[in-house]
Amino acid sequence: MRIRLIAFILLVVFQLPTWAQHTSDVLAERSPAIVGVSEKRLQLLDQFIQDYVNKGYIPGGVFLIARDNQIVYNKTFGFRSTDTKVPYKKDDIFRICSMTKAVTTVAIMQLYEEGKLGLDDAVQDYIPAFKKTQVLDTFNEKDSTYTTVPVKSPITLRHLLTHTSGIAYGDFYPGKIMAVYKKNNMLGVGLSHPTWNTEEFINRLAAVPLAFQPGDHFMYGLNMDVLGRVIEVVSGEKLSDYFRKHIFEPLGMKDTYFYLPKEKQSRLVPIYGYDANNKLEIIVSSELSGNIDYPKNTDIGHYAGGGGLSSTAMDYAIFIQALVNNGIYNGKRILSRKTIEVMTADQMITLNQQGKGMSNRPGETFCLGFGLRTDPGKGINSKSPGTYEWSGYFTTKFFIDPKEDLIFVGMMQIDNFRHGEFYDRVAAILYSSIEE
């Protein structure tokens, strides 16, 4: 008996370092086998990404995977400049565009759990300009004139978090929506602006008629930009300062900004587009933003809560790892577990039943601020029910799979990416590497 007891104690002692690493809430690079991931299968991911680089489908980028707080994959591929053959680096900075929305959502949920706002509060209670908001009624295609009708009920913060407010991205909806937004000088405003601050931007947006009555259906739009202004009003801080004090600094995110400090601007990677022969080339402007170097602009107080941030793969991985860890990273809490449960619950149940939700495909839905996978979507791909995710216009991507304690961050910079299957196939290979 004594011999068995001593053997058991020795086993516990020698296994303790591995166990301690396994339960740490800080990301660290470890052998994939420690967390049940096959290193051999991950080599298929190397081959797949490199094949896309070799074929000229992508210039390359940075890709990071972590499970159980252990980084099992953190690699770069390709060249940030094909002319000079400068390779991508792990600390390169990318325009994350709509991946900004996740940060804005977390900030709103922080204020929610502090009792400073309610999810069903009317936006006009915080931004009076929305008291005058109207809904588009008739539209004349010949001269883009239109008529409006009053809103039946005010826009709420929940409407904004679920893109059901009637506020659109004018750039994404050709026809009358684009024409109305153009008439109101609201095209190409989702990333930055040369003269407006956040307050002026949102007050101008409030004057644009809604595409439909609030709550009627899903339409992707400038909703998170409005929420960014709500954060400023409620907190009394500029959005950039709020993010820094309440999210970035507590988590140790050192490379995430609306406007990059001069000493970090050289790390901002170029954006690629396609030439007339469908070959990748570095571009100097985009349909979405005439000035693609907006992260290098002087800070005039315009903070696009829906798309203005730039970041690194590691910084963003820290942010989403905190969410997997029930809101905690390195001993610092940014959200409570129960608030994250509210944030990641399906908000589209009724609209999905009516065919007015984010997707007509069962199991693809929307929570507060994120796309969400639910049980009916088990057969779509390998992502577990409960996985939440989003992407950025210039081809960045993340997802969080709480069931597998898994995160993924993909950082590329491509305008109008023409190989939409890429991230789905990356995910398929990734999930095939999970052994336990």
Protein backbone atom coordinates (compact mmCIF):
# COMPACT_ATOMS: atom_id res chain seq x y z
CA MET A 1 0.00 0.00 0.00
CA ARG A 2 2.80 2.41 0.98
CA ILE A 3 4.61 1.76 -2.33
CA ARG A 4 1.42 2.53 -4.30
CA LEU A 5 0.89 5.75 -2.35
CA ILE A 6 4.46 6.90 -2.99
CA ALA A 7 4.09 6.08 -6.70
CA PHE A 8 0.87 8.08 -6.87
CA ILE A 9 2.45 11.10 -5.18
CA LEU A 10 5.44 10.99 -7.54
CA LEU A 11 3.08 10.80 -10.52
CA VAL A 12 1.19 13.90 -9.35
CA VAL A 13 4.43 15.81 -8.68
CA PHE A 14 5.91 15.05 -12.08
CA GLN A 15 2.68 15.77 -13.92
CA LEU A 16 2.04 19.09 -12.15
CA PRO A 17 3.99 21.34 -14.56
CA THR A 18 2.01 20.03 -17.55
CA TRP A 19 -1.26 20.39 -15.66
CA ALA A 20 -0.38 23.94 -14.60
CA GLN A 21 0.44 24.91 -18.16
CA HIS A 22 -2.79 23.36 -19.37
CA THR A 23 -4.97 25.44 -17.03
CA SER A 24 -3.16 28.79 -17.32
CA ASP A 25 -5.34 31.63 -18.59
CA VAL A 26 -2.45 33.21 -20.54
CA LEU A 27 -1.61 32.23 -24.11
CA ALA A 28 1.69 30.39 -24.47
CA GLU A 29 3.22 28.40 -27.31
CA ARG A 30 3.28 24.70 -26.50
CA SER A 31 3.36 21.39 -28.31
CA PRO A 32 -0.04 20.73 -29.91
CA ALA A 33 -0.09 17.23 -28.38
CA ILE A 34 -0.42 18.73 -24.89
CA VAL A 35 -3.95 19.86 -25.75
CA GLY A 36 -4.95 16.98 -27.97
CA VAL A 37 -4.07 18.45 -31.35
CA SER A 38 -2.15 16.51 -34.00
CA GLU A 39 0.96 18.32 -35.17
CA LYS A 40 1.08 16.05 -38.19
CA ARG A 41 -2.41 17.08 -39.26
CA LEU A 42 -1.51 20.75 -38.78
CA GLN A 43 1.23 20.25 -41.36
CA LEU A 44 -1.60 19.88 -43.88
CA LEU A 45 -2.52 23.45 -43.02
CA ASP A 46 1.02 24.53 -43.89
CA GLN A 47 0.68 22.82 -47.25
CA PHE A 48 -2.77 24.24 -47.94
CA ILE A 49 -1.91 27.87 -47.16
CA GLN A 50 1.40 27.68 -49.02
CA ASP A 51 -0.41 26.21 -52.03
CA TYR A 52 -2.73 29.25 -52.11
CA VAL A 53 0.33 31.52 -51.94
CA ASN A 54 2.08 29.62 -54.73
CA LYS A 55 -0.99 29.80 -56.96
CA GLY A 56 -1.25 33.57 -56.43
CA TYR A 57 -4.63 33.28 -54.69
CA ILE A 58 -3.35 35.06 -51.57
CA PRO A 59 -0.21 37.09 -50.83
CA GLY A 60 0.12 35.37 -47.46
CA GLY A 61 -0.44 36.53 -43.90
CA VAL A 62 -0.39 35.48 -40.27
CA PHE A 63 -2.46 32.59 -38.86
CA LEU A 64 -2.86 31.70 -35.19
CA ILE A 65 -4.67 28.83 -33.48
CA ALA A 66 -4.93 28.18 -29.74
CA ARG A 67 -6.63 25.49 -27.71
CA ASP A 68 -6.90 25.46 -23.92
CA ASN A 69 -4.85 28.67 -23.81
CA GLN A 70 -2.02 26.93 -25.63
CA ILE A 71 -0.91 28.36 -28.98
CA VAL A 72 -0.58 25.34 -31.25
CA TYR A 73 -0.11 27.23 -34.51
CA ASN A 74 1.37 30.69 -35.09
CA LYS A 75 2.88 31.00 -38.53
CA THR A 76 3.47 33.43 -41.36
CA PHE A 77 3.33 32.75 -45.08
CA GLY A 78 4.16 34.75 -48.18
CA PHE A 79 5.33 38.30 -48.65
CA ARG A 80 3.85 41.61 -47.57
CA SER A 81 5.59 43.05 -50.64
CA THR A 82 5.96 40.81 -53.68
CA ASP A 83 8.29 43.32 -55.36
CA THR A 84 10.92 43.38 -52.63
CA LYS A 85 10.12 39.92 -51.22
CA VAL A 86 9.65 41.22 -47.68
CA PRO A 87 8.10 38.34 -45.71
CA TYR A 88 5.19 38.76 -43.33
CA LYS A 89 6.12 38.86 -39.64
CA LYS A 90 4.10 37.71 -36.64
CA ASP A 91 3.91 41.26 -35.27
CA ASP A 92 2.72 42.84 -38.53
CA ILE A 93 -0.26 45.16 -38.11
CA PHE A 94 -3.43 44.61 -40.15
CA ARG A 95 -6.55 46.68 -40.70
CA ILE A 96 -9.13 44.46 -39.00
CA CYS A 97 -12.16 46.46 -40.19
CA SER A 98 -15.35 44.72 -38.99
CA MET A 99 -13.50 42.66 -36.40
CA THR A 100 -13.64 46.00 -34.55
CA LYS A 101 -17.32 45.21 -33.95
CA ALA A 102 -16.47 42.51 -31.42
CA VAL A 103 -14.50 45.03 -29.34
CA THR A 104 -17.34 47.55 -29.47
CA THR A 105 -19.80 44.84 -28.44
CA VAL A 106 -17.68 43.89 -25.43
CA ALA A 107 -17.47 47.56 -24.41
CA ILE A 108 -21.27 47.90 -24.58
CA MET A 109 -21.68 44.73 -22.53
CA GLN A 110 -19.26 46.12 -19.92
CA LEU A 111 -21.50 49.16 -19.51
CA TYR A 112 -24.53 46.88 -19.44
CA GLU A 113 -23.22 44.76 -16.58
CA GLU A 114 -22.29 47.93 -14.70
CA GLY A 115 -25.93 49.06 -14.89
CA LYS A 116 -25.08 52.13 -16.97
CA LEU A 117 -27.34 51.20 -19.90
CA GLY A 118 -29.98 48.67 -20.88
CA LEU A 119 -30.00 46.60 -24.05
CA ASP A 120 -33.54 47.71 -24.87
CA ASP A 121 -32.92 51.39 -24.17
CA ALA A 122 -33.80 53.74 -27.01
CA VAL A 123 -30.77 55.10 -28.83
CA GLN A 124 -32.36 58.55 -28.83
CA ASP A 125 -32.01 58.61 -25.03
CA TYR A 126 -28.25 58.83 -25.56
CA ILE A 127 -28.07 60.51 -28.97
CA PRO A 128 -30.91 63.05 -29.33
CA ALA A 129 -30.39 63.35 -33.11
CA PHE A 130 -32.17 59.98 -33.46
CA LYS A 131 -35.42 61.50 -32.19
CA LYS A 132 -35.90 62.85 -35.72
CA THR A 133 -35.03 59.65 -37.60
CA GLN A 134 -37.47 58.63 -40.34
CA VAL A 135 -38.01 55.48 -42.44
CA LEU A 136 -37.64 55.38 -46.23
CA ASP A 137 -41.01 55.11 -47.99
CA THR A 138 -40.99 55.93 -51.71
CA PHE A 139 -37.94 56.33 -53.95
CA ASN A 140 -37.61 57.93 -57.41
CA GLU A 141 -34.90 56.19 -59.45
CA LYS A 142 -34.64 59.09 -61.90
CA ASP A 143 -33.37 61.71 -59.47
CA SER A 144 -32.91 59.77 -56.19
CA THR A 145 -35.56 61.81 -54.42
CA TYR A 146 -37.49 60.01 -51.74
CA THR A 147 -40.21 60.32 -49.13
CA THR A 148 -40.21 59.08 -45.57
CA VAL A 149 -42.61 58.01 -42.83
CA PRO A 150 -42.16 58.18 -39.04
CA VAL A 151 -40.67 55.28 -37.10
CA LYS A 152 -43.26 53.14 -35.34
CA SER A 153 -40.91 52.55 -32.42
CA PRO A 154 -37.47 53.94 -31.59
CA ILE A 155 -34.22 52.16 -32.43
CA THR A 156 -32.87 50.30 -29.39
CA LEU A 157 -29.35 49.27 -28.48
CA ARG A 158 -30.39 45.65 -29.10
CA HIS A 159 -31.41 46.60 -32.65
CA LEU A 160 -27.94 48.04 -33.18
CA LEU A 161 -26.19 44.99 -31.72
CA THR A 162 -28.17 42.68 -34.04
CA HIS A 163 -28.17 44.84 -37.20
CA THR A 164 -31.97 45.06 -37.16
CA SER A 165 -32.21 48.85 -36.75
CA GLY A 166 -32.74 49.75 -40.41
CA ILE A 167 -29.32 51.43 -40.60
CA ALA A 168 -27.36 50.07 -43.58
CA TYR A 169 -23.93 50.09 -45.14
CA GLY A 170 -24.85 52.10 -48.21
CA ASP A 171 -21.77 50.80 -50.02
CA PHE A 172 -23.00 47.19 -49.81
CA TYR A 173 -26.55 47.60 -51.17
CA PRO A 174 -26.69 48.83 -54.79
CA GLY A 175 -29.94 50.46 -55.80
CA LYS A 176 -32.09 52.74 -53.72
CA ILE A 177 -30.19 52.17 -50.46
CA MET A 178 -26.87 53.12 -52.03
CA ALA A 179 -28.47 56.08 -53.77
CA VAL A 180 -30.01 57.40 -50.55
CA TYR A 181 -26.73 57.04 -48.66
CA LYS A 182 -24.86 58.74 -51.50
CA LYS A 183 -27.33 61.62 -51.44
CA ASN A 184 -26.57 62.03 -47.73
CA ASN A 185 -22.76 61.75 -48.17
CA MET A 186 -22.71 58.46 -46.29
CA LEU A 187 -20.68 56.23 -48.62
CA GLY A 188 -17.15 55.17 -47.69
CA VAL A 189 -17.49 56.29 -44.07
CA GLY A 190 -17.18 52.97 -42.23
CA LEU A 191 -13.44 53.08 -41.53
CA SER A 192 -12.44 56.69 -40.99
CA HIS A 193 -13.17 60.24 -42.16
CA PRO A 194 -10.83 63.15 -42.89
CA THR A 195 -12.87 65.87 -41.16
CA TRP A 196 -15.72 64.47 -39.01
CA ASN A 197 -15.30 63.43 -35.42
CA THR A 198 -17.45 60.60 -34.07
CA GLU A 199 -20.20 62.87 -32.78
CA GLU A 200 -20.61 64.70 -36.09
CA PHE A 201 -20.50 61.41 -38.02
CA ILE A 202 -23.28 59.83 -35.99
CA ASN A 203 -25.45 62.94 -35.91
CA ARG A 204 -25.25 63.05 -39.72
CA LEU A 205 -26.06 59.34 -39.91
CA ALA A 206 -29.17 59.90 -37.79
CA ALA A 207 -30.53 62.13 -40.57
CA VAL A 208 -30.37 59.30 -43.14
CA PRO A 209 -33.73 57.50 -43.46
CA LEU A 210 -33.84 53.93 -42.20
CA ALA A 211 -34.20 51.16 -44.78
CA PHE A 212 -37.08 49.64 -42.77
CA GLN A 213 -38.88 49.90 -39.46
CA PRO A 214 -36.59 49.04 -36.51
CA GLY A 215 -36.68 45.35 -35.65
CA ASP A 216 -38.28 44.26 -38.93
CA HIS A 217 -35.32 42.26 -40.29
CA PHE A 218 -31.53 41.90 -40.47
CA MET A 219 -29.44 44.26 -42.62
CA TYR A 220 -25.73 44.69 -42.09
CA GLY A 221 -24.92 48.32 -41.44
CA LEU A 222 -23.23 51.15 -39.54
CA ASN A 223 -24.86 50.08 -36.28
CA MET A 224 -21.66 49.53 -34.32
CA ASP A 225 -20.50 53.02 -35.22
CA VAL A 226 -23.60 54.35 -33.46
CA LEU A 227 -22.83 52.14 -30.47
CA GLY A 228 -19.31 53.59 -30.41
CA ARG A 229 -20.85 57.01 -29.91
CA VAL A 230 -23.17 55.63 -27.22
CA ILE A 231 -20.09 54.37 -25.37
CA GLU A 232 -18.60 57.87 -25.51
CA VAL A 233 -21.79 59.46 -24.17
CA VAL A 234 -22.30 56.97 -21.35
CA SER A 235 -18.65 56.73 -20.25
CA GLY A 236 -17.69 60.36 -20.83
CA GLU A 237 -14.56 59.14 -22.61
CA LYS A 238 -13.44 59.13 -26.24
CA LEU A 239 -13.98 55.68 -27.72
CA SER A 240 -10.24 55.20 -28.23
CA ASP A 241 -9.59 56.01 -24.58
CA TYR A 242 -12.38 53.73 -23.38
CA PHE A 243 -11.05 50.78 -25.37
CA ARG A 244 -7.53 51.42 -24.12
CA LYS A 245 -8.42 51.77 -20.42
CA HIS A 246 -11.06 49.06 -20.14
CA ILE A 247 -9.98 46.44 -22.67
CA PHE A 248 -6.56 46.84 -24.25
CA GLU A 249 -4.46 47.76 -21.20
CA PRO A 250 -6.06 45.22 -18.82
CA LEU A 251 -5.50 42.44 -21.36
CA GLY A 252 -2.00 43.54 -22.34
CA MET A 253 -2.93 44.34 -25.97
CA LYS A 254 -0.08 46.60 -27.04
CA ASP A 255 -0.61 46.89 -30.80
CA THR A 256 -4.31 47.69 -31.31
CA TYR A 257 -5.27 51.23 -32.29
CA PHE A 258 -7.60 53.40 -34.33
CA TYR A 259 -4.61 55.53 -35.33
CA LEU A 260 -1.13 54.05 -35.13
CA PRO A 261 1.71 55.80 -33.29
CA LYS A 262 4.41 56.93 -35.72
CA GLU A 263 6.88 54.39 -34.39
CA LYS A 264 4.51 51.53 -35.32
CA GLN A 265 3.30 52.75 -38.70
CA SER A 266 5.98 50.87 -40.63
CA ARG A 267 4.46 47.61 -39.39
CA LEU A 268 1.15 48.31 -41.16
CA VAL A 269 1.04 45.93 -44.12
CA PRO A 270 -0.07 46.89 -47.65
CA ILE A 271 -3.43 45.87 -49.10
CA TYR A 272 -3.62 43.71 -52.21
CA GLY A 273 -6.23 43.82 -54.94
CA TYR A 274 -6.61 42.31 -58.39
CA ASP A 275 -5.38 43.67 -61.72
CA ALA A 276 -7.12 43.22 -65.08
CA ASN A 277 -5.61 39.74 -65.39
CA ASN A 278 -6.92 38.66 -61.98
CA LYS A 279 -3.44 38.76 -60.49
CA LEU A 280 -2.71 40.20 -57.06
CA GLU A 281 -1.09 43.61 -56.85
CA ILE A 282 -0.62 46.18 -54.10
CA ILE A 283 -3.33 48.86 -54.27
CA VAL A 284 -3.36 52.48 -53.14
CA SER A 285 -7.13 52.97 -52.84
CA SER A 286 -10.28 50.91 -52.35
CA GLU A 287 -13.96 51.23 -53.18
CA LEU A 288 -14.68 51.10 -49.46
CA SER A 289 -12.10 53.70 -48.49
CA GLY A 290 -10.33 56.10 -50.82
CA ASN A 291 -7.52 56.42 -48.29
CA ILE A 292 -6.42 52.92 -47.32
CA ASP A 293 -3.67 54.35 -45.12
CA TYR A 294 -6.28 55.71 -42.70
CA PRO A 295 -4.54 54.05 -39.69
CA LYS A 296 -1.70 56.54 -40.28
CA ASN A 297 -4.05 59.54 -40.24
CA THR A 298 -3.86 62.24 -37.59
CA ASP A 299 -6.31 61.49 -34.79
CA ILE A 300 -9.10 64.08 -35.10
CA GLY A 301 -11.54 62.22 -32.85
CA HIS A 302 -13.25 60.02 -35.44
CA TYR A 303 -13.46 56.45 -34.13
CA ALA A 304 -15.35 53.97 -36.29
CA GLY A 305 -16.71 51.45 -33.80
CA GLY A 306 -17.74 49.24 -36.69
CA GLY A 307 -14.47 49.07 -38.58
CA GLY A 308 -11.70 51.47 -37.57
CA LEU A 309 -9.22 49.38 -35.60
CA SER A 310 -5.92 47.87 -36.68
CA SER A 311 -4.25 45.06 -34.77
CA THR A 312 -1.90 42.07 -34.79
CA ALA A 313 -2.80 38.39 -34.78
CA MET A 314 -1.47 38.00 -31.24
CA ASP A 315 -3.28 41.03 -29.84
CA TYR A 316 -6.57 39.88 -31.27
CA ALA A 317 -5.97 36.32 -30.07
CA ILE A 318 -5.54 37.67 -26.53
CA PHE A 319 -8.84 39.53 -26.83
CA ILE A 320 -10.87 36.53 -27.97
CA GLN A 321 -9.06 34.16 -25.58
CA ALA A 322 -10.36 36.32 -22.74
CA LEU A 323 -13.89 35.59 -23.97
CA VAL A 324 -13.21 31.84 -24.04
CA ASN A 325 -11.88 32.19 -20.48
CA ASN A 326 -15.24 33.54 -19.28
CA GLY A 327 -14.00 37.11 -19.55
CA ILE A 328 -10.65 36.67 -17.79
CA TYR A 329 -7.10 36.89 -19.12
CA ASN A 330 -3.92 37.01 -17.04
CA GLY A 331 -5.99 37.53 -13.92
CA LYS A 332 -7.83 40.58 -15.33
CA ARG A 333 -11.57 40.39 -15.97
CA ILE A 334 -13.21 42.36 -18.77
CA LEU A 335 -16.64 40.66 -18.67
CA SER A 336 -18.48 38.24 -16.41
CA ARG A 337 -19.41 34.71 -17.47
CA LYS A 338 -23.12 35.47 -17.25
CA THR A 339 -22.78 38.58 -19.42
CA ILE A 340 -20.94 36.53 -22.05
CA GLU A 341 -23.84 34.06 -21.96
CA VAL A 342 -26.25 36.90 -22.74
CA MET A 343 -23.96 38.23 -25.47
CA THR A 344 -23.66 34.87 -27.22
CA ALA A 345 -27.34 33.83 -27.08
CA ASP A 346 -29.33 33.61 -30.33
CA GLN A 347 -31.15 36.91 -30.97
CA MET A 348 -32.72 35.94 -34.30
CA ILE A 349 -35.12 33.14 -33.31
CA THR A 350 -38.33 34.92 -34.33
CA LEU A 351 -36.83 36.69 -37.36
CA ASN A 352 -35.28 33.43 -38.57
CA GLN A 353 -38.70 31.75 -38.38
CA GLN A 354 -40.09 34.57 -40.51
CA GLY A 355 -37.24 34.33 -43.03
CA LYS A 356 -35.96 37.77 -41.99
CA GLY A 357 -32.85 36.78 -40.04
CA MET A 358 -29.19 36.85 -40.99
CA SER A 359 -29.35 33.64 -43.01
CA ASN A 360 -31.97 31.32 -44.46
CA ARG A 361 -29.78 28.36 -43.56
CA PRO A 362 -30.82 26.76 -40.23
CA GLY A 363 -28.14 27.09 -37.59
CA GLU A 364 -26.52 30.22 -39.05
CA THR A 365 -27.77 33.08 -36.92
CA PHE A 366 -26.70 36.15 -34.97
CA CYS A 367 -26.17 36.92 -31.30
CA LEU A 368 -25.20 40.31 -29.88
CA GLY A 369 -22.43 41.53 -32.17
CA PHE A 370 -21.33 38.19 -33.64
CA GLY A 371 -22.38 35.56 -36.14
CA LEU A 372 -23.43 32.42 -34.25
CA ARG A 373 -23.63 28.67 -34.97
CA THR A 374 -26.51 26.83 -33.26
CA ASP A 375 -27.59 23.17 -33.08
CA PRO A 376 -29.48 23.06 -36.41
CA GLY A 377 -26.21 24.01 -38.11
CA LYS A 378 -24.21 20.99 -36.93
CA GLY A 379 -23.98 19.60 -40.44
CA ILE A 380 -22.75 22.78 -42.14
CA ASN A 381 -19.12 22.20 -41.12
CA SER A 382 -17.05 21.07 -38.15
CA LYS A 383 -17.59 24.14 -35.97
CA SER A 384 -19.40 23.28 -32.75
CA PRO A 385 -22.80 24.73 -31.86
CA GLY A 386 -22.07 27.83 -29.79
CA THR A 387 -19.20 28.95 -32.04
CA TYR A 388 -19.28 32.71 -32.62
CA GLU A 389 -17.27 34.62 -35.17
CA TRP A 390 -16.89 37.46 -37.62
CA SER A 391 -14.52 38.79 -40.26
CA GLY A 392 -13.11 42.01 -41.68
CA TYR A 393 -13.54 43.57 -45.11
CA PHE A 394 -9.87 43.23 -46.04
CA THR A 395 -9.95 39.45 -45.42
CA THR A 396 -9.25 39.06 -41.72
CA LYS A 397 -11.15 36.38 -39.82
CA PHE A 398 -11.68 35.01 -36.31
CA PHE A 399 -13.81 32.41 -34.60
CA ILE A 400 -14.30 31.24 -31.03
CA ASP A 401 -15.43 27.66 -30.32
CA PRO A 402 -16.13 27.47 -26.56
CA LYS A 403 -16.99 23.76 -26.65
CA GLU A 404 -13.53 22.90 -27.98
CA ASP A 405 -11.84 25.75 -26.05
CA LEU A 406 -10.53 26.80 -29.45
CA ILE A 407 -9.75 30.12 -31.12
CA PHE A 408 -8.60 31.03 -34.62
CA VAL A 409 -7.26 34.31 -36.02
CA GLY A 410 -6.43 34.81 -39.69
CA MET A 411 -4.79 38.03 -40.85
CA MET A 412 -4.55 38.88 -44.56
CA GLN A 413 -5.09 42.14 -46.48
CA ILE A 414 -6.98 41.63 -49.72
CA ASP A 415 -9.62 43.91 -51.21
CA ASN A 416 -12.64 42.07 -52.70
CA PHE A 417 -11.18 38.63 -51.99
CA ARG A 418 -12.15 36.17 -54.73
CA HIS A 419 -11.52 32.88 -52.95
CA GLY A 420 -14.21 32.82 -50.30
CA GLU A 421 -13.71 29.10 -49.76
CA PHE A 422 -10.29 29.71 -48.18
CA TYR A 423 -11.25 30.12 -44.53
CA ASP A 424 -13.83 27.31 -44.68
CA ARG A 425 -11.13 24.92 -45.88
CA VAL A 426 -8.70 26.19 -43.26
CA ALA A 427 -11.31 25.42 -40.60
CA ALA A 428 -11.89 21.92 -42.00
CA ILE A 429 -8.18 21.09 -41.74
CA LEU A 430 -7.94 22.66 -38.31
CA TYR A 431 -10.81 20.63 -36.87
CA SER A 432 -9.44 17.44 -38.40
CA SER A 433 -6.33 17.92 -36.24
CA ILE A 434 -8.29 17.67 -32.98
CA GLU A 435 -7.73 14.21 -31.53
CA GLU A 436 -9.24 14.50 -28.07
